[in-house]
Amino acid sequence: MNGFDWNAVGESLPLLLEGFRVTLLATALGTLVAAVLGLAVAVAGRAPSKFVTVPVRVVTEFVRSTPLLVQLVGAAALFNTVEPLYIGIAVLGVHYAAYTSEVYRAGIDGVPKGQWEACRALSLSPRRTWQAVILPQAVRNVLPALGNYAISMFKETPFLAVITVQEMVFEARFYGAENFAYTEVFTLAGLIFLVASYPTSLLMRRLEKRLGH
């Protein structure tokens, strides 16, 4: 039985780090899409008209009820002229927006009823009420949960390899196939994921304690 090939680790490291750059880019932009779109969905879900709330609810449930992998493959087939990385970012963002919208909804529901009543008593417009009073409190309350979803997204970026996005796991598979060093290269990829995600998890825990969660 062959031993662990440390030369393969050294040779594959630059390739994996280049893939890791793509992984970070997809995670950062996907998180941004999920945060903004999730907030929009949460606010739309409180609209007085069922012509708004019902379609929003149906689409959200559809996204939550289908696997990310299926969404990636389906989107890649529908938009086959679009750069795979852009498709991956969009699908990650939309997929996680369905979950972050629930986090935002819980944060909005957690704003004391008296805050809403005070806004009405001061004759604040709905836009001013949301911007100056409701959303600052709601977003502050849900920051740890949003951070945890960002970590989850980071760990699910390997799914992007199925639509040929050259993220870290894609590069690991490529190097492993070319050099018959799957054990070494996937071990290294796993360690990179661990080193990147574990400190962030600790930071989220500290933030939860600081905010009183």
N, C-alpha and C. Protein backbone atom coordinates (compact mmCIF):
# COMPACT_ATOMS: atom_id res chain seq x y z
N MET A 1 0.84 -1.21 0.00
CA MET A 1 0.00 0.00 0.00
C MET A 1 0.88 1.26 0.00
N ASN A 2 0.63 2.16 -0.89
CA ASN A 2 1.43 3.38 -0.98
C ASN A 2 1.14 4.30 0.19
N GLY A 3 2.18 5.04 0.63
CA GLY A 3 2.01 5.98 1.71
C GLY A 3 1.44 7.30 1.22
N PHE A 4 1.27 8.19 2.18
CA PHE A 4 0.73 9.52 1.87
C PHE A 4 1.78 10.29 1.09
N ASP A 5 1.40 10.82 -0.07
CA ASP A 5 2.35 11.50 -0.95
C ASP A 5 2.37 12.99 -0.63
N TRP A 6 3.39 13.41 0.13
CA TRP A 6 3.48 14.82 0.51
C TRP A 6 3.84 15.71 -0.67
N ASN A 7 4.51 15.14 -1.67
CA ASN A 7 4.81 15.93 -2.86
C ASN A 7 3.53 16.36 -3.58
N ALA A 8 2.54 15.47 -3.58
CA ALA A 8 1.26 15.81 -4.21
C ALA A 8 0.58 16.95 -3.47
N VAL A 9 0.75 16.98 -2.15
CA VAL A 9 0.17 18.07 -1.36
C VAL A 9 0.78 19.40 -1.77
N GLY A 10 2.11 19.43 -1.86
CA GLY A 10 2.78 20.66 -2.24
C GLY A 10 2.45 21.11 -3.66
N GLU A 11 2.37 20.14 -4.57
CA GLU A 11 2.08 20.47 -5.96
C GLU A 11 0.64 20.96 -6.15
N SER A 12 -0.28 20.38 -5.40
CA SER A 12 -1.70 20.72 -5.60
C SER A 12 -2.13 21.97 -4.85
N LEU A 13 -1.33 22.40 -3.87
CA LEU A 13 -1.74 23.54 -3.05
C LEU A 13 -2.03 24.80 -3.86
N PRO A 14 -1.16 25.22 -4.79
CA PRO A 14 -1.49 26.44 -5.57
C PRO A 14 -2.79 26.30 -6.36
N LEU A 15 -3.02 25.11 -6.91
CA LEU A 15 -4.25 24.88 -7.68
C LEU A 15 -5.47 24.97 -6.77
N LEU A 16 -5.38 24.39 -5.58
CA LEU A 16 -6.50 24.43 -4.65
C LEU A 16 -6.75 25.84 -4.14
N LEU A 17 -5.69 26.59 -3.92
CA LEU A 17 -5.86 27.97 -3.45
C LEU A 17 -6.53 28.84 -4.51
N GLU A 18 -6.24 28.56 -5.78
CA GLU A 18 -6.92 29.28 -6.86
C GLU A 18 -8.41 28.91 -6.88
N GLY A 19 -8.69 27.62 -6.67
CA GLY A 19 -10.08 27.20 -6.56
C GLY A 19 -10.75 27.78 -5.34
N PHE A 20 -9.99 27.92 -4.26
CA PHE A 20 -10.52 28.49 -3.02
C PHE A 20 -10.92 29.94 -3.22
N ARG A 21 -10.18 30.65 -4.06
CA ARG A 21 -10.54 32.04 -4.38
C ARG A 21 -11.92 32.10 -5.03
N VAL A 22 -12.19 31.16 -5.93
CA VAL A 22 -13.50 31.09 -6.57
C VAL A 22 -14.57 30.71 -5.55
N THR A 23 -14.22 29.80 -4.64
CA THR A 23 -15.14 29.40 -3.58
C THR A 23 -15.53 30.58 -2.71
N LEU A 24 -14.55 31.38 -2.32
CA LEU A 24 -14.82 32.56 -1.50
C LEU A 24 -15.67 33.58 -2.26
N LEU A 25 -15.36 33.77 -3.53
CA LEU A 25 -16.13 34.72 -4.34
C LEU A 25 -17.59 34.28 -4.44
N ALA A 26 -17.81 33.01 -4.71
CA ALA A 26 -19.18 32.49 -4.81
C ALA A 26 -19.90 32.62 -3.48
N THR A 27 -19.20 32.36 -2.38
CA THR A 27 -19.83 32.46 -1.06
C THR A 27 -20.18 33.91 -0.72
N ALA A 28 -19.24 34.83 -0.97
CA ALA A 28 -19.47 36.23 -0.63
C ALA A 28 -20.62 36.82 -1.43
N LEU A 29 -20.61 36.61 -2.74
CA LEU A 29 -21.67 37.17 -3.58
C LEU A 29 -22.99 36.44 -3.36
N GLY A 30 -22.93 35.13 -3.16
CA GLY A 30 -24.15 34.38 -2.87
C GLY A 30 -24.78 34.82 -1.57
N THR A 31 -23.96 35.09 -0.56
CA THR A 31 -24.47 35.57 0.72
C THR A 31 -25.11 36.94 0.58
N LEU A 32 -24.48 37.80 -0.22
CA LEU A 32 -25.05 39.13 -0.47
C LEU A 32 -26.42 39.02 -1.13
N VAL A 33 -26.53 38.17 -2.15
CA VAL A 33 -27.82 37.97 -2.82
C VAL A 33 -28.85 37.42 -1.84
N ALA A 34 -28.45 36.43 -1.04
CA ALA A 34 -29.39 35.82 -0.09
C ALA A 34 -29.85 36.82 0.96
N ALA A 35 -28.94 37.66 1.42
CA ALA A 35 -29.29 38.64 2.46
C ALA A 35 -30.27 39.68 1.93
N VAL A 36 -29.99 40.21 0.75
CA VAL A 36 -30.85 41.25 0.18
C VAL A 36 -32.19 40.67 -0.28
N LEU A 37 -32.13 39.57 -1.03
CA LEU A 37 -33.36 38.98 -1.54
C LEU A 37 -34.21 38.40 -0.41
N GLY A 38 -33.56 37.80 0.58
CA GLY A 38 -34.31 37.26 1.71
C GLY A 38 -35.06 38.34 2.46
N LEU A 39 -34.44 39.52 2.62
CA LEU A 39 -35.11 40.63 3.27
C LEU A 39 -36.30 41.11 2.45
N ALA A 40 -36.11 41.19 1.12
CA ALA A 40 -37.20 41.61 0.25
C ALA A 40 -38.38 40.63 0.32
N VAL A 41 -38.07 39.35 0.38
CA VAL A 41 -39.12 38.33 0.47
C VAL A 41 -39.85 38.44 1.80
N ALA A 42 -39.10 38.66 2.87
CA ALA A 42 -39.73 38.78 4.20
C ALA A 42 -40.66 39.98 4.26
N VAL A 43 -40.24 41.10 3.71
CA VAL A 43 -41.09 42.30 3.71
C VAL A 43 -42.30 42.10 2.81
N ALA A 44 -42.08 41.50 1.62
CA ALA A 44 -43.19 41.24 0.70
C ALA A 44 -44.20 40.29 1.32
N GLY A 45 -43.72 39.39 2.16
CA GLY A 45 -44.63 38.44 2.80
C GLY A 45 -45.59 39.09 3.78
N ARG A 46 -45.32 40.32 4.16
CA ARG A 46 -46.20 41.06 5.06
C ARG A 46 -47.09 42.06 4.31
N ALA A 47 -47.08 41.98 3.00
CA ALA A 47 -47.91 42.89 2.19
C ALA A 47 -49.39 42.62 2.46
N PRO A 48 -50.23 43.65 2.38
CA PRO A 48 -51.65 43.46 2.66
C PRO A 48 -52.39 42.69 1.57
N SER A 49 -51.83 42.61 0.38
CA SER A 49 -52.51 41.97 -0.74
C SER A 49 -52.08 40.51 -0.90
N LYS A 50 -53.05 39.62 -1.07
CA LYS A 50 -52.75 38.21 -1.32
C LYS A 50 -52.14 37.99 -2.69
N PHE A 51 -52.33 38.94 -3.59
CA PHE A 51 -51.72 38.83 -4.91
C PHE A 51 -50.20 38.94 -4.82
N VAL A 52 -49.72 39.45 -3.71
CA VAL A 52 -48.27 39.52 -3.46
C VAL A 52 -47.83 38.37 -2.57
N THR A 53 -48.52 38.16 -1.46
CA THR A 53 -48.08 37.18 -0.47
C THR A 53 -48.18 35.75 -0.96
N VAL A 54 -49.23 35.41 -1.71
CA VAL A 54 -49.40 34.03 -2.16
C VAL A 54 -48.31 33.59 -3.13
N PRO A 55 -48.03 34.36 -4.21
CA PRO A 55 -46.92 33.96 -5.09
C PRO A 55 -45.58 33.89 -4.38
N VAL A 56 -45.34 34.83 -3.47
CA VAL A 56 -44.08 34.81 -2.71
C VAL A 56 -43.98 33.54 -1.90
N ARG A 57 -45.07 33.15 -1.25
CA ARG A 57 -45.08 31.95 -0.43
C ARG A 57 -44.88 30.69 -1.27
N VAL A 58 -45.53 30.64 -2.44
CA VAL A 58 -45.42 29.47 -3.31
C VAL A 58 -43.99 29.29 -3.82
N VAL A 59 -43.39 30.38 -4.29
CA VAL A 59 -42.03 30.31 -4.80
C VAL A 59 -41.05 29.94 -3.69
N THR A 60 -41.22 30.52 -2.53
CA THR A 60 -40.34 30.22 -1.40
C THR A 60 -40.41 28.76 -1.00
N GLU A 61 -41.62 28.22 -0.93
CA GLU A 61 -41.79 26.82 -0.56
C GLU A 61 -41.20 25.91 -1.63
N PHE A 62 -41.35 26.28 -2.90
CA PHE A 62 -40.78 25.48 -3.98
C PHE A 62 -39.26 25.42 -3.85
N VAL A 63 -38.64 26.57 -3.60
CA VAL A 63 -37.18 26.60 -3.48
C VAL A 63 -36.72 25.79 -2.27
N ARG A 64 -37.44 25.91 -1.16
CA ARG A 64 -37.04 25.17 0.03
C ARG A 64 -37.27 23.67 -0.11
N SER A 65 -38.20 23.29 -0.97
CA SER A 65 -38.58 21.88 -1.08
C SER A 65 -37.81 21.11 -2.16
N THR A 66 -36.95 21.79 -2.89
CA THR A 66 -36.16 21.12 -3.92
C THR A 66 -34.67 21.20 -3.57
N PRO A 67 -33.91 20.16 -3.87
CA PRO A 67 -32.48 20.15 -3.52
C PRO A 67 -31.68 21.20 -4.28
N LEU A 68 -30.66 21.70 -3.64
CA LEU A 68 -29.78 22.68 -4.28
C LEU A 68 -29.16 22.11 -5.55
N LEU A 69 -28.79 20.85 -5.52
CA LEU A 69 -28.17 20.23 -6.69
C LEU A 69 -29.10 20.24 -7.89
N VAL A 70 -30.37 19.94 -7.66
CA VAL A 70 -31.35 19.96 -8.74
C VAL A 70 -31.52 21.37 -9.28
N GLN A 71 -31.55 22.35 -8.40
CA GLN A 71 -31.69 23.74 -8.83
C GLN A 71 -30.50 24.18 -9.67
N LEU A 72 -29.30 23.76 -9.29
CA LEU A 72 -28.11 24.12 -10.06
C LEU A 72 -28.14 23.53 -11.46
N VAL A 73 -28.45 22.24 -11.54
CA VAL A 73 -28.48 21.57 -12.84
C VAL A 73 -29.59 22.15 -13.72
N GLY A 74 -30.75 22.40 -13.12
CA GLY A 74 -31.86 22.97 -13.88
C GLY A 74 -31.56 24.36 -14.39
N ALA A 75 -30.96 25.20 -13.54
CA ALA A 75 -30.62 26.56 -13.95
C ALA A 75 -29.55 26.55 -15.04
N ALA A 76 -28.58 25.65 -14.91
CA ALA A 76 -27.52 25.56 -15.92
C ALA A 76 -28.08 25.13 -17.27
N ALA A 77 -29.09 24.25 -17.24
CA ALA A 77 -29.71 23.81 -18.49
C ALA A 77 -30.55 24.91 -19.13
N LEU A 78 -31.23 25.70 -18.30
CA LEU A 78 -32.08 26.77 -18.82
C LEU A 78 -31.27 27.95 -19.33
N PHE A 79 -30.17 28.24 -18.64
CA PHE A 79 -29.36 29.42 -19.00
C PHE A 79 -27.97 28.96 -19.44
N ASN A 80 -27.94 28.11 -20.46
CA ASN A 80 -26.67 27.49 -20.84
C ASN A 80 -25.69 28.45 -21.53
N THR A 81 -26.14 29.66 -21.82
CA THR A 81 -25.23 30.65 -22.41
C THR A 81 -24.59 31.55 -21.36
N VAL A 82 -25.01 31.39 -20.10
CA VAL A 82 -24.49 32.22 -19.01
C VAL A 82 -23.29 31.54 -18.38
N GLU A 83 -22.32 32.33 -17.95
CA GLU A 83 -21.15 31.82 -17.26
C GLU A 83 -21.58 30.97 -16.05
N PRO A 84 -21.07 29.72 -15.94
CA PRO A 84 -21.48 28.84 -14.83
C PRO A 84 -21.31 29.46 -13.44
N LEU A 85 -20.25 30.24 -13.25
CA LEU A 85 -20.05 30.86 -11.94
C LEU A 85 -21.19 31.79 -11.59
N TYR A 86 -21.66 32.56 -12.56
CA TYR A 86 -22.78 33.48 -12.31
C TYR A 86 -24.06 32.70 -11.98
N ILE A 87 -24.26 31.60 -12.69
CA ILE A 87 -25.42 30.75 -12.38
C ILE A 87 -25.31 30.21 -10.96
N GLY A 88 -24.12 29.74 -10.60
CA GLY A 88 -23.92 29.20 -9.27
C GLY A 88 -24.19 30.21 -8.18
N ILE A 89 -23.69 31.43 -8.38
CA ILE A 89 -23.90 32.49 -7.39
C ILE A 89 -25.39 32.80 -7.26
N ALA A 90 -26.07 32.90 -8.40
CA ALA A 90 -27.50 33.22 -8.38
C ALA A 90 -28.30 32.13 -7.70
N VAL A 91 -28.00 30.87 -8.02
CA VAL A 91 -28.75 29.75 -7.43
C VAL A 91 -28.49 29.66 -5.93
N LEU A 92 -27.23 29.80 -5.52
CA LEU A 92 -26.92 29.81 -4.09
C LEU A 92 -27.68 30.93 -3.38
N GLY A 93 -27.67 32.12 -3.99
CA GLY A 93 -28.35 33.25 -3.38
C GLY A 93 -29.84 33.04 -3.25
N VAL A 94 -30.48 32.57 -4.32
CA VAL A 94 -31.93 32.34 -4.28
C VAL A 94 -32.27 31.22 -3.31
N HIS A 95 -31.50 30.14 -3.35
CA HIS A 95 -31.75 29.00 -2.46
C HIS A 95 -31.71 29.43 -0.99
N TYR A 96 -30.67 30.16 -0.62
CA TYR A 96 -30.55 30.57 0.78
C TYR A 96 -31.44 31.74 1.13
N ALA A 97 -31.88 32.51 0.13
CA ALA A 97 -32.84 33.59 0.40
C ALA A 97 -34.14 33.02 0.94
N ALA A 98 -34.51 31.82 0.47
CA ALA A 98 -35.73 31.18 0.96
C ALA A 98 -35.64 30.89 2.45
N TYR A 99 -34.43 30.66 2.94
CA TYR A 99 -34.24 30.40 4.37
C TYR A 99 -34.01 31.68 5.17
N THR A 100 -33.21 32.58 4.61
CA THR A 100 -32.97 33.83 5.34
C THR A 100 -34.24 34.67 5.45
N SER A 101 -35.17 34.49 4.51
CA SER A 101 -36.43 35.23 4.61
C SER A 101 -37.18 34.85 5.88
N GLU A 102 -37.09 33.57 6.27
CA GLU A 102 -37.73 33.13 7.51
C GLU A 102 -37.02 33.70 8.73
N VAL A 103 -35.71 33.83 8.62
CA VAL A 103 -34.94 34.43 9.71
C VAL A 103 -35.33 35.90 9.87
N TYR A 104 -35.41 36.61 8.75
CA TYR A 104 -35.84 38.00 8.80
C TYR A 104 -37.27 38.11 9.35
N ARG A 105 -38.14 37.20 8.91
CA ARG A 105 -39.53 37.25 9.38
C ARG A 105 -39.59 37.11 10.90
N ALA A 106 -38.78 36.19 11.44
CA ALA A 106 -38.74 36.02 12.88
C ALA A 106 -38.21 37.27 13.57
N GLY A 107 -37.20 37.91 12.95
CA GLY A 107 -36.66 39.14 13.51
C GLY A 107 -37.67 40.26 13.50
N ILE A 108 -38.42 40.38 12.41
CA ILE A 108 -39.45 41.42 12.31
C ILE A 108 -40.56 41.16 13.33
N ASP A 109 -40.97 39.90 13.43
CA ASP A 109 -42.02 39.55 14.41
C ASP A 109 -41.56 39.79 15.84
N GLY A 110 -40.23 39.76 16.02
CA GLY A 110 -39.69 39.97 17.36
C GLY A 110 -39.62 41.42 17.79
N VAL A 111 -39.85 42.34 16.87
CA VAL A 111 -39.87 43.77 17.23
C VAL A 111 -41.12 44.02 18.08
N PRO A 112 -40.97 44.62 19.26
CA PRO A 112 -42.12 44.83 20.15
C PRO A 112 -43.27 45.56 19.46
N LYS A 113 -44.48 45.16 19.78
CA LYS A 113 -45.67 45.76 19.18
C LYS A 113 -45.73 47.26 19.46
N GLY A 114 -45.19 47.66 20.60
CA GLY A 114 -45.21 49.08 20.96
C GLY A 114 -44.44 49.94 19.98
N GLN A 115 -43.41 49.36 19.33
CA GLN A 115 -42.64 50.11 18.34
C GLN A 115 -43.51 50.47 17.13
N TRP A 116 -44.32 49.52 16.69
CA TRP A 116 -45.24 49.78 15.59
C TRP A 116 -46.27 50.85 15.97
N GLU A 117 -46.80 50.71 17.17
CA GLU A 117 -47.82 51.67 17.63
C GLU A 117 -47.23 53.07 17.77
N ALA A 118 -45.99 53.15 18.23
CA ALA A 118 -45.34 54.46 18.37
C ALA A 118 -45.15 55.12 17.00
N CYS A 119 -44.79 54.31 16.01
CA CYS A 119 -44.62 54.85 14.65
C CYS A 119 -45.94 55.40 14.11
N ARG A 120 -47.02 54.66 14.37
CA ARG A 120 -48.32 55.15 13.91
C ARG A 120 -48.72 56.42 14.65
N ALA A 121 -48.41 56.47 15.94
CA ALA A 121 -48.75 57.66 16.73
C ALA A 121 -47.99 58.88 16.26
N LEU A 122 -46.77 58.66 15.76
CA LEU A 122 -45.96 59.77 15.24
C LEU A 122 -46.24 60.07 13.78
N SER A 123 -47.19 59.34 13.21
CA SER A 123 -47.58 59.51 11.79
C SER A 123 -46.41 59.30 10.83
N LEU A 124 -45.55 58.36 11.17
CA LEU A 124 -44.45 58.04 10.27
C LEU A 124 -44.99 57.28 9.07
N SER A 125 -44.42 57.53 7.92
CA SER A 125 -44.82 56.80 6.72
C SER A 125 -44.37 55.35 6.84
N PRO A 126 -45.02 54.43 6.10
CA PRO A 126 -44.58 53.03 6.14
C PRO A 126 -43.09 52.87 5.80
N ARG A 127 -42.62 53.62 4.80
CA ARG A 127 -41.21 53.51 4.42
C ARG A 127 -40.30 53.97 5.55
N ARG A 128 -40.65 55.08 6.18
CA ARG A 128 -39.84 55.57 7.29
C ARG A 128 -39.89 54.62 8.48
N THR A 129 -41.04 54.03 8.71
CA THR A 129 -41.19 53.07 9.80
C THR A 129 -40.26 51.88 9.62
N TRP A 130 -40.25 51.34 8.40
CA TRP A 130 -39.39 50.20 8.13
C TRP A 130 -37.92 50.57 8.19
N GLN A 131 -37.54 51.68 7.56
CA GLN A 131 -36.14 52.04 7.45
C GLN A 131 -35.53 52.48 8.78
N ALA A 132 -36.26 53.25 9.55
CA ALA A 132 -35.68 53.88 10.74
C ALA A 132 -35.94 53.11 12.03
N VAL A 133 -36.99 52.29 12.05
CA VAL A 133 -37.37 51.67 13.32
C VAL A 133 -37.33 50.14 13.26
N ILE A 134 -38.06 49.55 12.33
CA ILE A 134 -38.25 48.11 12.33
C ILE A 134 -37.02 47.34 11.87
N LEU A 135 -36.53 47.66 10.67
CA LEU A 135 -35.43 46.88 10.11
C LEU A 135 -34.13 46.96 10.92
N PRO A 136 -33.74 48.13 11.45
CA PRO A 136 -32.51 48.14 12.26
C PRO A 136 -32.57 47.18 13.45
N GLN A 137 -33.73 47.09 14.09
CA GLN A 137 -33.87 46.17 15.22
C GLN A 137 -33.92 44.73 14.75
N ALA A 138 -34.67 44.47 13.67
CA ALA A 138 -34.84 43.10 13.19
C ALA A 138 -33.52 42.52 12.70
N VAL A 139 -32.78 43.32 11.91
CA VAL A 139 -31.52 42.83 11.35
C VAL A 139 -30.51 42.56 12.46
N ARG A 140 -30.46 43.42 13.45
CA ARG A 140 -29.54 43.21 14.57
C ARG A 140 -29.81 41.89 15.27
N ASN A 141 -31.09 41.55 15.40
CA ASN A 141 -31.46 40.32 16.11
C ASN A 141 -31.12 39.06 15.33
N VAL A 142 -31.04 39.16 14.01
CA VAL A 142 -30.85 37.95 13.20
C VAL A 142 -29.44 37.81 12.63
N LEU A 143 -28.53 38.72 12.96
CA LEU A 143 -27.18 38.66 12.41
C LEU A 143 -26.48 37.32 12.64
N PRO A 144 -26.55 36.75 13.86
CA PRO A 144 -25.89 35.44 14.06
C PRO A 144 -26.45 34.36 13.15
N ALA A 145 -27.76 34.31 12.99
CA ALA A 145 -28.37 33.31 12.12
C ALA A 145 -27.94 33.50 10.67
N LEU A 146 -27.88 34.74 10.23
CA LEU A 146 -27.44 35.02 8.86
C LEU A 146 -25.98 34.57 8.66
N GLY A 147 -25.17 34.81 9.68
CA GLY A 147 -23.78 34.37 9.61
C GLY A 147 -23.66 32.86 9.51
N ASN A 148 -24.51 32.14 10.24
CA ASN A 148 -24.49 30.68 10.18
C ASN A 148 -24.91 30.18 8.80
N TYR A 149 -25.86 30.85 8.18
CA TYR A 149 -26.24 30.46 6.82
C TYR A 149 -25.11 30.72 5.83
N ALA A 150 -24.36 31.78 6.06
CA ALA A 150 -23.20 32.05 5.19
C ALA A 150 -22.17 30.93 5.30
N ILE A 151 -21.97 30.42 6.50
CA ILE A 151 -21.04 29.30 6.70
C ILE A 151 -21.57 28.06 6.00
N SER A 152 -22.88 27.81 6.12
CA SER A 152 -23.48 26.66 5.44
C SER A 152 -23.32 26.77 3.93
N MET A 153 -23.51 27.97 3.40
CA MET A 153 -23.34 28.18 1.96
C MET A 153 -21.90 27.88 1.55
N PHE A 154 -20.95 28.35 2.35
CA PHE A 154 -19.54 28.11 2.07
C PHE A 154 -19.26 26.62 1.95
N LYS A 155 -19.85 25.83 2.83
CA LYS A 155 -19.61 24.38 2.81
C LYS A 155 -20.37 23.67 1.70
N GLU A 156 -21.33 24.34 1.07
CA GLU A 156 -22.08 23.73 -0.02
C GLU A 156 -21.60 24.18 -1.40
N THR A 157 -20.60 25.04 -1.43
CA THR A 157 -20.07 25.47 -2.73
C THR A 157 -19.50 24.32 -3.57
N PRO A 158 -19.06 23.19 -2.97
CA PRO A 158 -18.60 22.08 -3.83
C PRO A 158 -19.66 21.59 -4.82
N PHE A 159 -20.93 21.83 -4.53
CA PHE A 159 -21.98 21.44 -5.48
C PHE A 159 -21.82 22.18 -6.82
N LEU A 160 -21.16 23.33 -6.79
CA LEU A 160 -20.98 24.10 -8.03
C LEU A 160 -20.13 23.35 -9.04
N ALA A 161 -19.38 22.37 -8.58
CA ALA A 161 -18.54 21.59 -9.49
C ALA A 161 -19.37 20.85 -10.54
N VAL A 162 -20.62 20.53 -10.22
CA VAL A 162 -21.45 19.77 -11.16
C VAL A 162 -21.83 20.61 -12.38
N ILE A 163 -21.73 21.93 -12.27
CA ILE A 163 -22.00 22.78 -13.43
C ILE A 163 -20.70 23.41 -13.94
N THR A 164 -19.60 22.74 -13.63
CA THR A 164 -18.25 23.06 -14.13
C THR A 164 -17.67 24.36 -13.60
N VAL A 165 -18.15 24.82 -12.45
CA VAL A 165 -17.50 25.97 -11.80
C VAL A 165 -16.20 25.48 -11.19
N GLN A 166 -15.11 26.14 -11.49
CA GLN A 166 -13.79 25.67 -11.07
C GLN A 166 -13.47 26.14 -9.65
N GLU A 167 -14.31 25.72 -8.70
CA GLU A 167 -14.04 26.01 -7.30
C GLU A 167 -13.07 24.96 -6.76
N MET A 168 -12.86 24.94 -5.44
CA MET A 168 -11.78 24.14 -4.88
C MET A 168 -11.96 22.64 -5.09
N VAL A 169 -13.16 22.12 -4.89
CA VAL A 169 -13.37 20.69 -5.05
C VAL A 169 -13.24 20.27 -6.52
N PHE A 170 -13.68 21.14 -7.43
CA PHE A 170 -13.48 20.87 -8.86
C PHE A 170 -12.00 20.72 -9.15
N GLU A 171 -11.19 21.63 -8.62
CA GLU A 171 -9.75 21.56 -8.84
C GLU A 171 -9.14 20.33 -8.18
N ALA A 172 -9.67 19.96 -7.02
CA ALA A 172 -9.17 18.76 -6.33
C ALA A 172 -9.45 17.51 -7.16
N ARG A 173 -10.65 17.42 -7.71
CA ARG A 173 -10.99 16.27 -8.56
C ARG A 173 -10.11 16.23 -9.80
N PHE A 174 -9.86 17.38 -10.38
CA PHE A 174 -9.04 17.45 -11.59
C PHE A 174 -7.62 16.98 -11.29
N TYR A 175 -7.04 17.50 -10.21
CA TYR A 175 -5.67 17.11 -9.87
C TYR A 175 -5.61 15.63 -9.49
N GLY A 176 -6.60 15.17 -8.73
CA GLY A 176 -6.61 13.77 -8.32
C GLY A 176 -6.69 12.83 -9.51
N ALA A 177 -7.51 13.18 -10.51
CA ALA A 177 -7.64 12.33 -11.69
C ALA A 177 -6.36 12.33 -12.52
N GLU A 178 -5.70 13.48 -12.59
CA GLU A 178 -4.48 13.59 -13.39
C GLU A 178 -3.29 12.90 -12.74
N ASN A 179 -3.27 12.85 -11.42
CA ASN A 179 -2.07 12.38 -10.71
C ASN A 179 -2.34 11.20 -9.79
N PHE A 180 -3.56 10.67 -9.81
CA PHE A 180 -3.92 9.53 -8.96
C PHE A 180 -3.57 9.79 -7.50
N ALA A 181 -3.97 10.97 -7.03
CA ALA A 181 -3.65 11.37 -5.65
C ALA A 181 -4.90 11.92 -4.98
N TYR A 182 -5.99 11.17 -5.05
CA TYR A 182 -7.25 11.64 -4.49
C TYR A 182 -7.17 11.83 -2.98
N THR A 183 -6.54 10.90 -2.28
CA THR A 183 -6.47 10.98 -0.83
C THR A 183 -5.79 12.26 -0.38
N GLU A 184 -4.65 12.53 -0.96
CA GLU A 184 -3.87 13.70 -0.56
C GLU A 184 -4.60 15.00 -0.86
N VAL A 185 -5.11 15.11 -2.08
CA VAL A 185 -5.68 16.39 -2.50
C VAL A 185 -7.01 16.66 -1.80
N PHE A 186 -7.82 15.63 -1.56
CA PHE A 186 -9.08 15.86 -0.87
C PHE A 186 -8.87 16.09 0.63
N THR A 187 -7.84 15.48 1.18
CA THR A 187 -7.48 15.77 2.58
C THR A 187 -7.09 17.23 2.73
N LEU A 188 -6.28 17.71 1.79
CA LEU A 188 -5.85 19.11 1.82
C LEU A 188 -7.04 20.04 1.64
N ALA A 189 -7.95 19.71 0.72
CA ALA A 189 -9.14 20.54 0.50
C ALA A 189 -10.00 20.59 1.77
N GLY A 190 -10.14 19.44 2.43
CA GLY A 190 -10.92 19.41 3.66
C GLY A 190 -10.30 20.27 4.75
N LEU A 191 -8.97 20.24 4.84
CA LEU A 191 -8.29 21.06 5.84
C LEU A 191 -8.46 22.55 5.54
N ILE A 192 -8.43 22.91 4.27
CA ILE A 192 -8.62 24.32 3.91
C ILE A 192 -10.03 24.77 4.30
N PHE A 193 -11.03 23.93 4.02
CA PHE A 193 -12.39 24.25 4.43
C PHE A 193 -12.47 24.42 5.95
N LEU A 194 -11.82 23.52 6.69
CA LEU A 194 -11.85 23.58 8.15
C LEU A 194 -11.20 24.85 8.67
N VAL A 195 -10.01 25.17 8.15
CA VAL A 195 -9.28 26.35 8.60
C VAL A 195 -10.07 27.63 8.30
N ALA A 196 -10.80 27.63 7.20
CA ALA A 196 -11.56 28.83 6.82
C ALA A 196 -12.87 28.96 7.59
N SER A 197 -13.54 27.84 7.84
CA SER A 197 -14.89 27.91 8.42
C SER A 197 -14.91 27.88 9.95
N TYR A 198 -13.95 27.19 10.57
CA TYR A 198 -14.00 27.04 12.03
C TYR A 198 -13.86 28.38 12.76
N PRO A 199 -12.88 29.23 12.42
CA PRO A 199 -12.80 30.54 13.09
C PRO A 199 -14.06 31.38 12.90
N THR A 200 -14.67 31.27 11.72
CA THR A 200 -15.90 32.02 11.47
C THR A 200 -17.03 31.51 12.36
N SER A 201 -17.08 30.20 12.57
CA SER A 201 -18.09 29.62 13.47
C SER A 201 -17.91 30.14 14.89
N LEU A 202 -16.65 30.21 15.34
CA LEU A 202 -16.38 30.74 16.67
C LEU A 202 -16.79 32.20 16.78
N LEU A 203 -16.54 32.96 15.72
CA LEU A 203 -16.93 34.37 15.71
C LEU A 203 -18.45 34.52 15.81
N MET A 204 -19.18 33.65 15.12
CA MET A 204 -20.65 33.71 15.17
C MET A 204 -21.15 33.38 16.57
N ARG A 205 -20.49 32.44 17.25
CA ARG A 205 -20.89 32.10 18.61
C ARG A 205 -20.66 33.28 19.56
N ARG A 206 -19.54 33.95 19.39
CA ARG A 206 -19.27 35.13 20.22
C ARG A 206 -20.28 36.23 19.95
N LEU A 207 -20.65 36.38 18.68
CA LEU A 207 -21.65 37.40 18.33
C LEU A 207 -23.00 37.05 18.93
N GLU A 208 -23.36 35.78 18.93
CA GLU A 208 -24.62 35.36 19.53
C GLU A 208 -24.65 35.72 21.02
N LYS A 209 -23.54 35.44 21.71
CA LYS A 209 -23.48 35.73 23.15
C LYS A 209 -23.53 37.23 23.40
N ARG A 210 -22.84 37.97 22.56
CA ARG A 210 -22.79 39.43 22.73
C ARG A 210 -24.17 40.07 22.53
N LEU A 211 -24.93 39.50 21.59
CA LEU A 211 -26.27 40.04 21.32
C LEU A 211 -27.34 39.43 22.21
N GLY A 212 -26.90 38.52 23.08
CA GLY A 212 -27.85 37.96 24.04
C GLY A 212 -28.71 36.84 23.52
N HIS A 213 -28.24 36.10 22.46
CA HIS A 213 -29.02 35.00 21.89
C HIS A 213 -28.76 33.73 22.70
